[in-house]
Amino acid sequence: MNIIVPMAGMGKRMRPHTLTVPKPLLPIAGKPIVQRLVEDIAKVCGSQVDEVAFIVGHFGAEVEKKLLAIADSVGARGSIAYQEEALGTAHAILCAKEALRGNVVVAFADTLFKADFTLDTTKEGIIWVQQVEDPRPFGVVKLDDQNRITDFVEKPAEFVSDLAIIGIYYFRDGAYLREELQYLLDHDIKDKGEYQITNALENMKNKGTRFEPGQVTEWLDCGNKDATVYTNQRYLEYIRDTKLIADSAQVENSVIIPPVFIGENVRIHNTVLGPHVSIGKGSQITNSVIRNSIVQENTYISNANVADSMLGNFVKFEGKSADLSLGDYNAVKE
């Protein structure tokens, strides 16, 4: 089994946090989004993951090192492919063409999920979907009475279905997918100006490939600050029975309301923390109340009341009550 993770996007909706860190490396309950995604896919695969191929922009050697370590953590070989230009989902996946072989899961790194199943690798293709109120921003599928996908429609202007594709796909034959993606590029077949995976899926379906919908317990978005803070809340609930406070953390004269993640060498003093808070390593919180928030690494908060917020790395924040979205190295003092 190979896992392919396209993650070359700029993450504009997550600015200012993505000005210094690629969105898939932002933390959810103490681990990068992309690590959570890869680990969750590995759990449902039911077989050994051989390779995890990350499709990136030019994020730098340090980011690539972290990605290769994520692959290693699930017992797989990591590889890096580059998407030089944003030309659509089909183009992004094809950038990792060497990994398109055998059983393949493709998972875009701006979505997370929770599921209670083992992947059935005998199926020709599985497309994970979720019912949504407004399907217009998504690719959607239509089903027949045998629960088989009959149509793929990219961002429909008119209603055709409310089953949105969540960005996770399984293919029994990765080489066949590679051929169909290459066909789109060779013949310049675009939808809304880009090479879309839904066009390749439609072609495969018309040639007899049977695609079936997959269902997840919960679909979690990391598209903007509020969605990411909510996803952090949900993940903390999922893992609340695991060890969430590092042994090296120092908590003095404070109240911790679970679930809360506290990283290595964090110092908490005279503070009420939680519920649903994640504090990255090396951060310091004093004389404050923090609820439902993500605080990244080496950040200092004092005399503050913070809720529903996301603070970056090396932030200094003192003396305000606010719903915040502060990027790395910001300093705010009342």
Protein backbone atom coordinates (compact mmCIF):
# COMPACT_ATOMS: atom_id res chain seq x y z
CA MET A 1 0.00 0.00 0.00
CA ASN A 2 1.25 3.47 -0.93
CA ILE A 3 -0.13 6.74 0.43
CA ILE A 4 0.09 9.90 -1.69
CA VAL A 5 -0.36 13.23 0.06
CA PRO A 6 -0.68 16.36 -2.14
CA MET A 7 0.16 19.36 0.04
CA ALA A 8 1.74 22.00 -2.20
CA GLY A 9 -0.96 24.65 -1.70
CA MET A 10 -0.17 28.05 -0.23
CA GLY A 11 -2.79 27.83 2.54
CA LYS A 12 -3.96 31.40 1.98
CA ARG A 13 -7.08 31.01 4.16
CA MET A 14 -4.83 30.14 7.10
CA ARG A 15 -2.68 33.26 6.96
CA PRO A 16 -0.85 34.61 8.91
CA HIS A 17 0.06 31.13 10.22
CA THR A 18 1.05 29.82 6.79
CA LEU A 19 3.38 32.71 6.03
CA THR A 20 6.11 30.86 7.94
CA VAL A 21 4.85 27.25 8.19
CA PRO A 22 3.15 25.11 5.51
CA LYS A 23 -0.47 24.51 6.54
CA PRO A 24 -0.13 20.70 6.82
CA LEU A 25 2.55 21.18 9.49
CA LEU A 26 0.32 23.27 11.76
CA PRO A 27 -0.38 21.35 14.99
CA ILE A 28 -3.53 19.51 15.96
CA ALA A 29 -3.44 18.20 19.54
CA GLY A 30 0.34 18.30 19.52
CA LYS A 31 1.03 16.75 16.11
CA PRO A 32 1.13 18.28 12.60
CA ILE A 33 -2.08 17.98 10.56
CA VAL A 34 -0.31 15.83 7.96
CA GLN A 35 1.04 13.46 10.63
CA ARG A 36 -2.46 12.98 12.04
CA LEU A 37 -3.71 12.28 8.51
CA VAL A 38 -1.01 9.72 7.65
CA GLU A 39 -1.38 7.93 10.99
CA ASP A 40 -5.17 7.70 10.65
CA ILE A 41 -4.92 6.32 7.10
CA ALA A 42 -2.30 3.78 8.18
CA LYS A 43 -4.67 2.58 10.93
CA VAL A 44 -7.52 1.82 8.51
CA CYS A 45 -5.38 0.34 5.71
CA GLY A 46 -5.22 -3.11 7.25
CA SER A 47 -1.90 -3.78 5.51
CA GLN A 48 1.68 -2.56 5.56
CA VAL A 49 2.23 0.94 4.17
CA ASP A 50 5.26 0.73 1.89
CA GLU A 51 5.67 4.35 0.83
CA VAL A 52 4.29 7.77 1.72
CA ALA A 53 4.83 10.25 -1.11
CA PHE A 54 4.46 13.93 -0.16
CA ILE A 55 3.82 16.40 -2.99
CA VAL A 56 5.10 19.79 -1.91
CA GLY A 57 6.14 23.22 -3.07
CA HIS A 58 9.66 24.25 -2.24
CA PHE A 59 9.22 24.25 1.52
CA GLY A 60 12.89 23.74 2.35
CA ALA A 61 15.07 20.93 3.67
CA GLU A 62 13.85 21.16 7.27
CA VAL A 63 10.21 20.63 6.29
CA GLU A 64 11.14 17.74 4.01
CA LYS A 65 13.10 16.14 6.85
CA LYS A 66 10.00 16.32 9.07
CA LEU A 67 7.85 14.74 6.37
CA LEU A 68 10.25 11.85 5.86
CA ALA A 69 10.20 11.28 9.63
CA ILE A 70 6.38 11.10 9.54
CA ALA A 71 6.57 8.34 6.92
CA ASP A 72 9.14 6.51 9.02
CA SER A 73 6.85 6.71 12.07
CA VAL A 74 4.30 4.46 10.30
CA GLY A 75 7.01 2.06 9.09
CA ALA A 76 7.07 3.36 5.52
CA ARG A 77 9.63 4.83 3.17
CA GLY A 78 9.11 8.54 2.59
CA SER A 79 9.56 10.35 -0.72
CA ILE A 80 9.25 13.96 -1.81
CA ALA A 81 7.81 15.16 -5.12
CA TYR A 82 7.43 18.77 -6.25
CA GLN A 83 4.51 20.59 -7.83
CA GLU A 84 6.05 23.63 -9.48
CA GLU A 85 2.73 25.18 -10.51
CA ALA A 86 -0.80 24.82 -9.14
CA LEU A 87 -2.61 23.23 -12.09
CA GLY A 88 -5.28 21.22 -10.31
CA THR A 89 -5.77 18.05 -8.31
CA ALA A 90 -4.99 15.62 -11.15
CA HIS A 91 -1.73 17.42 -11.91
CA ALA A 92 -0.77 17.42 -8.23
CA ILE A 93 -1.22 13.66 -7.84
CA LEU A 94 0.67 12.94 -11.05
CA CYS A 95 3.70 14.77 -9.65
CA ALA A 96 4.23 11.61 -7.55
CA LYS A 97 3.82 9.27 -10.54
CA GLU A 98 6.58 6.91 -9.34
CA ALA A 99 4.43 6.06 -6.29
CA LEU A 100 1.31 5.37 -8.39
CA ARG A 101 1.56 1.59 -8.38
CA GLY A 102 -0.34 -1.23 -6.69
CA ASN A 103 -2.83 -0.32 -3.96
CA VAL A 104 -2.87 3.46 -3.47
CA VAL A 105 -4.60 5.86 -1.11
CA VAL A 106 -4.61 9.52 -2.17
CA ALA A 107 -5.32 11.95 0.69
CA PHE A 108 -5.20 15.72 0.41
CA ALA A 109 -3.60 17.26 3.48
CA ASP A 110 -6.22 19.86 4.40
CA THR A 111 -8.76 17.40 5.75
CA LEU A 112 -8.81 14.96 8.64
CA PHE A 113 -11.25 12.21 9.49
CA LYS A 114 -12.23 9.73 12.14
CA ALA A 115 -13.38 6.27 11.08
CA ASP A 116 -14.10 2.86 12.46
CA PHE A 117 -13.43 0.41 9.61
CA THR A 118 -10.69 -1.51 7.83
CA LEU A 119 -10.15 -0.62 4.18
CA ASP A 120 -11.46 -3.31 1.79
CA THR A 121 -8.59 -3.54 -0.70
CA THR A 122 -10.54 -5.90 -2.96
CA LYS A 123 -12.69 -2.97 -4.13
CA GLU A 124 -11.67 -1.34 -7.42
CA GLY A 125 -12.08 2.14 -6.04
CA ILE A 126 -13.48 3.88 -2.96
CA ILE A 127 -14.22 7.61 -2.79
CA TRP A 128 -14.89 8.94 0.70
CA VAL A 129 -17.84 11.33 0.86
CA GLN A 130 -19.83 13.27 3.43
CA GLN A 131 -23.26 14.86 3.22
CA VAL A 132 -23.04 18.67 3.25
CA GLU A 133 -25.55 21.50 3.31
CA ASP A 134 -23.94 23.47 0.47
CA PRO A 135 -22.22 21.23 -2.12
CA ARG A 136 -21.22 24.04 -4.49
CA PRO A 137 -17.61 24.40 -3.23
CA PHE A 138 -16.92 20.65 -3.54
CA GLY A 139 -16.65 17.83 -6.00
CA VAL A 140 -19.72 15.65 -5.49
CA VAL A 141 -20.92 12.17 -6.47
CA LYS A 142 -24.24 10.67 -7.52
CA LEU A 143 -25.21 7.10 -6.55
CA ASP A 144 -27.47 4.45 -8.03
CA ASP A 145 -29.69 2.05 -6.08
CA GLN A 146 -26.78 -0.41 -5.77
CA ASN A 147 -24.68 2.18 -3.90
CA ARG A 148 -22.42 2.56 -6.90
CA ILE A 149 -21.09 5.96 -7.99
CA THR A 150 -22.62 6.96 -11.32
CA ASP A 151 -21.36 10.54 -11.73
CA PHE A 152 -18.59 12.84 -10.57
CA VAL A 153 -19.32 16.57 -10.74
CA GLU A 154 -16.76 19.25 -9.85
CA LYS A 155 -18.16 22.23 -7.90
CA PRO A 156 -21.70 22.10 -9.32
CA ALA A 157 -23.41 25.45 -9.88
CA GLU A 158 -26.79 23.70 -9.81
CA PHE A 159 -27.76 21.00 -7.31
CA VAL A 160 -26.94 17.46 -8.43
CA SER A 161 -25.97 15.84 -5.10
CA ASP A 162 -25.11 16.75 -1.52
CA LEU A 163 -22.47 13.99 -1.16
CA ALA A 164 -19.20 15.90 -1.15
CA ILE A 165 -15.87 14.22 -1.89
CA ILE A 166 -13.76 14.79 1.23
CA GLY A 167 -10.40 14.40 -0.52
CA ILE A 168 -9.51 10.77 0.33
CA TYR A 169 -9.51 8.08 -2.36
CA TYR A 170 -8.54 4.40 -2.67
CA PHE A 171 -7.46 2.77 -5.93
CA ARG A 172 -6.71 -0.92 -6.30
CA ASP A 173 -4.57 -0.22 -9.39
CA GLY A 174 -2.38 2.84 -8.99
CA ALA A 175 -0.78 2.39 -12.42
CA TYR A 176 -4.19 2.61 -14.08
CA LEU A 177 -4.89 5.86 -12.22
CA ARG A 178 -1.51 7.20 -13.41
CA GLU A 179 -2.43 6.47 -17.04
CA GLU A 180 -5.77 8.25 -16.72
CA LEU A 181 -4.20 11.31 -15.06
CA GLN A 182 -1.54 11.46 -17.77
CA TYR A 183 -4.25 11.29 -20.42
CA LEU A 184 -5.80 14.49 -19.08
CA LEU A 185 -2.51 16.36 -19.30
CA ASP A 186 -1.57 14.94 -22.70
CA HIS A 187 -4.91 16.01 -24.18
CA ASP A 188 -5.23 19.25 -22.17
CA ILE A 189 -8.55 18.22 -20.63
CA LYS A 190 -9.45 20.77 -17.98
CA ASP A 191 -12.45 21.66 -15.84
CA LYS A 192 -12.76 25.24 -14.63
CA GLY A 193 -9.24 25.91 -15.91
CA GLU A 194 -7.48 23.05 -14.08
CA TYR A 195 -6.73 19.34 -14.44
CA GLN A 196 -9.20 17.71 -12.06
CA ILE A 197 -9.11 14.22 -10.57
CA THR A 198 -12.90 14.04 -11.05
CA ASN A 199 -12.37 13.98 -14.83
CA ALA A 200 -10.02 11.00 -14.48
CA LEU A 201 -12.52 9.24 -12.21
CA GLU A 202 -15.32 9.83 -14.72
CA ASN A 203 -13.21 8.34 -17.52
CA MET A 204 -12.32 5.30 -15.40
CA LYS A 205 -15.97 4.81 -14.44
CA ASN A 206 -17.03 4.98 -18.10
CA LYS A 207 -14.50 2.24 -18.88
CA GLY A 208 -16.05 -0.06 -16.29
CA THR A 209 -14.27 0.72 -13.02
CA ARG A 210 -16.68 0.36 -10.13
CA PHE A 211 -16.36 3.15 -7.59
CA GLU A 212 -18.16 2.96 -4.28
CA PRO A 213 -18.63 5.62 -1.59
CA GLY A 214 -16.81 5.36 1.70
CA GLN A 215 -18.25 6.79 4.90
CA VAL A 216 -16.31 8.27 7.80
CA THR A 217 -17.49 8.84 11.35
CA GLU A 218 -16.50 12.51 11.22
CA TRP A 219 -14.95 14.79 8.62
CA LEU A 220 -12.79 17.57 10.02
CA ASP A 221 -11.64 20.58 8.05
CA CYS A 222 -8.46 22.58 8.60
CA GLY A 223 -9.20 25.24 6.01
CA ASN A 224 -9.23 28.32 8.27
CA LYS A 225 -8.49 29.35 11.85
CA ASP A 226 -11.90 28.61 13.32
CA ALA A 227 -12.16 25.22 11.61
CA THR A 228 -8.66 24.27 12.76
CA VAL A 229 -9.39 25.24 16.38
CA TYR A 230 -12.56 23.12 16.21
CA THR A 231 -10.62 20.18 14.75
CA ASN A 232 -8.13 20.49 17.60
CA GLN A 233 -11.08 20.33 20.03
CA ARG A 234 -12.45 17.18 18.42
CA TYR A 235 -9.05 15.43 18.34
CA LEU A 236 -8.45 16.16 22.00
CA GLU A 237 -11.75 14.47 22.73
CA TYR A 238 -10.75 11.44 20.65
CA ILE A 239 -7.44 10.98 22.47
CA ARG A 240 -8.39 12.25 25.93
CA ASP A 241 -7.65 8.85 27.50
CA THR A 242 -4.03 8.88 26.30
CA LYS A 243 -1.08 10.66 27.92
CA LEU A 244 -1.43 14.32 26.94
CA ILE A 245 0.85 16.14 29.41
CA ALA A 246 4.61 15.80 28.94
CA ASP A 247 6.66 14.69 31.96
CA SER A 248 8.90 17.75 31.53
CA ALA A 249 5.97 20.19 31.74
CA GLN A 250 5.78 22.30 34.90
CA VAL A 251 2.29 23.12 36.17
CA GLU A 252 2.21 25.33 39.29
CA ASN A 253 -0.81 26.72 41.19
CA SER A 254 -3.00 26.13 38.14
CA VAL A 255 -6.22 24.39 37.16
CA ILE A 256 -6.19 22.03 34.17
CA ILE A 257 -9.61 21.20 32.70
CA PRO A 258 -9.26 18.15 30.40
CA PRO A 259 -8.77 17.39 27.65
CA VAL A 260 -5.62 19.48 27.29
CA PHE A 261 -2.34 18.78 25.48
CA ILE A 262 0.79 20.23 27.12
CA GLY A 263 4.08 19.74 25.30
CA GLU A 264 7.63 19.30 26.51
CA ASN A 265 9.19 21.96 28.75
CA VAL A 266 6.00 24.00 28.96
CA ARG A 267 5.58 26.14 32.08
CA ILE A 268 2.07 26.91 33.38
CA HIS A 269 1.75 29.23 36.43
CA ASN A 270 -1.34 30.73 38.12
CA THR A 271 -3.48 29.78 35.13
CA VAL A 272 -6.76 28.09 34.25
CA LEU A 273 -6.15 25.97 31.18
CA GLY A 274 -8.84 24.15 29.22
CA PRO A 275 -10.87 22.53 28.10
CA HIS A 276 -9.69 21.86 24.54
CA VAL A 277 -6.32 23.62 24.63
CA SER A 278 -3.05 22.51 23.01
CA ILE A 279 0.22 24.11 24.17
CA GLY A 280 3.36 23.53 22.09
CA LYS A 281 6.76 22.77 23.59
CA GLY A 282 8.71 25.50 25.33
CA SER A 283 5.75 27.84 25.80
CA GLN A 284 5.03 29.73 29.02
CA ILE A 285 1.58 30.73 30.35
CA THR A 286 1.18 32.81 33.50
CA ASN A 287 -1.73 34.54 35.27
CA SER A 288 -4.11 33.70 32.42
CA VAL A 289 -7.24 31.85 31.38
CA ILE A 290 -6.98 29.88 28.12
CA ARG A 291 -9.91 27.96 26.58
CA ASN A 292 -10.48 26.16 23.28
CA SER A 293 -7.26 27.33 21.66
CA ILE A 294 -4.03 26.28 19.97
CA VAL A 295 -0.80 27.80 21.26
CA GLN A 296 2.25 26.75 19.29
CA GLU A 297 5.88 26.48 20.38
CA ASN A 298 7.99 28.90 22.46
CA THR A 299 5.14 31.36 22.97
CA TYR A 300 4.69 33.54 26.06
CA ILE A 301 1.23 34.52 27.38
CA SER A 302 0.72 36.61 30.51
CA ASN A 303 -2.28 38.26 32.22
CA ALA A 304 -4.58 37.28 29.37
CA ASN A 305 -8.01 35.78 28.79
CA VAL A 306 -7.87 33.85 25.52
CA ALA A 307 -10.56 31.70 23.90
CA ASP A 308 -11.26 30.24 20.44
CA SER A 309 -7.81 31.34 19.33
CA MET A 310 -4.71 30.25 17.48
CA LEU A 311 -1.29 31.67 18.36
CA GLY A 312 1.86 30.86 16.40
CA ASN A 313 5.44 30.21 17.43
CA PHE A 314 7.51 32.74 19.42
CA VAL A 315 4.47 34.97 20.08
CA LYS A 316 4.38 37.34 23.06
CA PHE A 317 0.89 38.21 24.22
CA GLU A 318 0.06 40.15 27.38
CA GLY A 319 -2.96 41.74 28.97
CA LYS A 320 -5.90 41.33 26.61
CA SER A 321 -9.09 39.33 26.27
CA ALA A 322 -9.60 38.26 22.69
CA ASP A 323 -10.47 35.79 19.96
CA LEU A 324 -7.08 35.72 18.29
CA SER A 325 -5.25 34.57 15.19
CA LEU A 326 -1.61 35.61 15.66
CA GLY A 327 1.20 34.40 13.42
CA ASP A 328 4.77 33.62 14.40
CA TYR A 329 6.92 36.24 16.16
CA ASN A 330 4.07 38.69 16.84
CA ALA A 331 4.13 40.70 20.06
CA VAL A 332 0.94 42.22 21.54
CA LYS A 333 0.95 44.09 24.85
CA GLU A 334 -1.79 46.21 26.44
